């Protein structure tokens, strides 16, 4: 990941990218252990929330 960032990247840029990578990894692990919701199911849930 560090090799893809420009040389002008700040420490904050690097921290942000590491943060995002960690969040993606956690999400993938959680999806693996807890399962996922289908796109259709998510749309149906949102429809009920947004109508209220």
C-alpha atoms as a PDB file:
ATOM      1  CA  UNK A   1       0.000   0.000   0.000  1.00  0.00           C
ATOM      2  CA  UNK A   2       2.780   2.416   0.845  1.00  0.00           C
ATOM      3  CA  UNK A   3       4.323   1.944  -2.585  1.00  0.00           C
ATOM      4  CA  UNK A   4       1.143   3.208  -4.255  1.00  0.00           C
ATOM      5  CA  UNK A   5       1.046   6.501  -2.333  1.00  0.00           C
ATOM      6  CA  UNK A   6       2.820   9.508  -3.815  1.00  0.00           C
ATOM      7  CA  UNK A   7       6.096  10.581  -2.226  1.00  0.00           C
ATOM      8  CA  UNK A   8       4.414  13.802  -1.156  1.00  0.00           C
ATOM      9  CA  UNK A   9       1.940  11.930   1.091  1.00  0.00           C
ATOM     10  CA  UNK A  10       1.682  13.272   4.599  1.00  0.00           C
ATOM     11  CA  UNK A  11       1.692  11.234   7.759  1.00  0.00           C
ATOM     12  CA  UNK A  12      -2.059  11.864   7.973  1.00  0.00           C
ATOM     13  CA  UNK A  13      -2.535  10.482   4.449  1.00  0.00           C
ATOM     14  CA  UNK A  14      -0.730   7.302   5.443  1.00  0.00           C
ATOM     15  CA  UNK A  15      -2.742   7.001   8.662  1.00  0.00           C
ATOM     16  CA  UNK A  16      -5.990   7.431   6.753  1.00  0.00           C
ATOM     17  CA  UNK A  17      -5.098   4.732   4.229  1.00  0.00           C
ATOM     18  CA  UNK A  18      -4.111   2.335   6.996  1.00  0.00           C
ATOM     19  CA  UNK A  19      -7.392   3.111   8.778  1.00  0.00           C
ATOM     20  CA  UNK A  20      -9.409   2.357   5.639  1.00  0.00           C
ATOM     21  CA  UNK A  21      -7.529  -0.899   5.043  1.00  0.00           C
ATOM     22  CA  UNK A  22      -8.194  -1.963   8.633  1.00  0.00           C
ATOM     23  CA  UNK A  23     -11.915  -1.168   8.302  1.00  0.00           C
ATOM     24  CA  UNK A  24     -12.181  -3.130   5.049  1.00  0.00           C
ATOM     25  CA  UNK A  25     -10.388  -6.108   6.623  1.00  0.00           C
ATOM     26  CA  UNK A  26     -12.696  -6.019   9.660  1.00  0.00           C
ATOM     27  CA  UNK A  27     -15.735  -5.841   7.395  1.00  0.00           C
ATOM     28  CA  UNK A  28     -14.599  -8.826   5.374  1.00  0.00           C
ATOM     29  CA  UNK A  29     -13.924 -10.825   8.534  1.00  0.00           C
ATOM     30  CA  UNK A  30     -17.321  -9.881   9.958  1.00  0.00           C
ATOM     31  CA  UNK A  31     -19.062 -10.856   6.714  1.00  0.00           C
ATOM     32  CA  UNK A  32     -17.265 -14.199   6.878  1.00  0.00           C
ATOM     33  CA  UNK A  33     -18.317 -14.929  10.471  1.00  0.00           C
ATOM     34  CA  UNK A  34     -21.739 -13.257  10.653  1.00  0.00           C
ATOM     35  CA  UNK A  35     -22.916 -13.453   7.069  1.00  0.00           C
ATOM     36  CA  UNK A  36     -24.186 -10.722   4.794  1.00  0.00           C
ATOM     37  CA  UNK A  37     -27.495  -9.191   3.719  1.00  0.00           C
ATOM     38  CA  UNK A  38     -28.470  -9.470   0.067  1.00  0.00           C
ATOM     39  CA  UNK A  39     -28.874  -6.330  -2.023  1.00  0.00           C
ATOM     40  CA  UNK A  40     -32.599  -6.965  -2.382  1.00  0.00           C
ATOM     41  CA  UNK A  41     -33.006  -7.435   1.389  1.00  0.00           C
ATOM     42  CA  UNK A  42     -31.058  -4.247   2.096  1.00  0.00           C
ATOM     43  CA  UNK A  43     -33.247  -2.294  -0.349  1.00  0.00           C
ATOM     44  CA  UNK A  44     -36.400  -3.666   1.282  1.00  0.00           C
ATOM     45  CA  UNK A  45     -35.142  -2.684   4.745  1.00  0.00           C
ATOM     46  CA  UNK A  46     -34.271   0.823   3.558  1.00  0.00           C
ATOM     47  CA  UNK A  47     -37.673   1.197   1.917  1.00  0.00           C
ATOM     48  CA  UNK A  48     -39.412   0.520   5.236  1.00  0.00           C
ATOM     49  CA  UNK A  49     -37.103   2.918   7.123  1.00  0.00           C
ATOM     50  CA  UNK A  50     -37.380   5.731   4.599  1.00  0.00           C
ATOM     51  CA  UNK A  51     -41.168   5.567   4.354  1.00  0.00           C
ATOM     52  CA  UNK A  52     -41.616   6.124   8.103  1.00  0.00           C
END
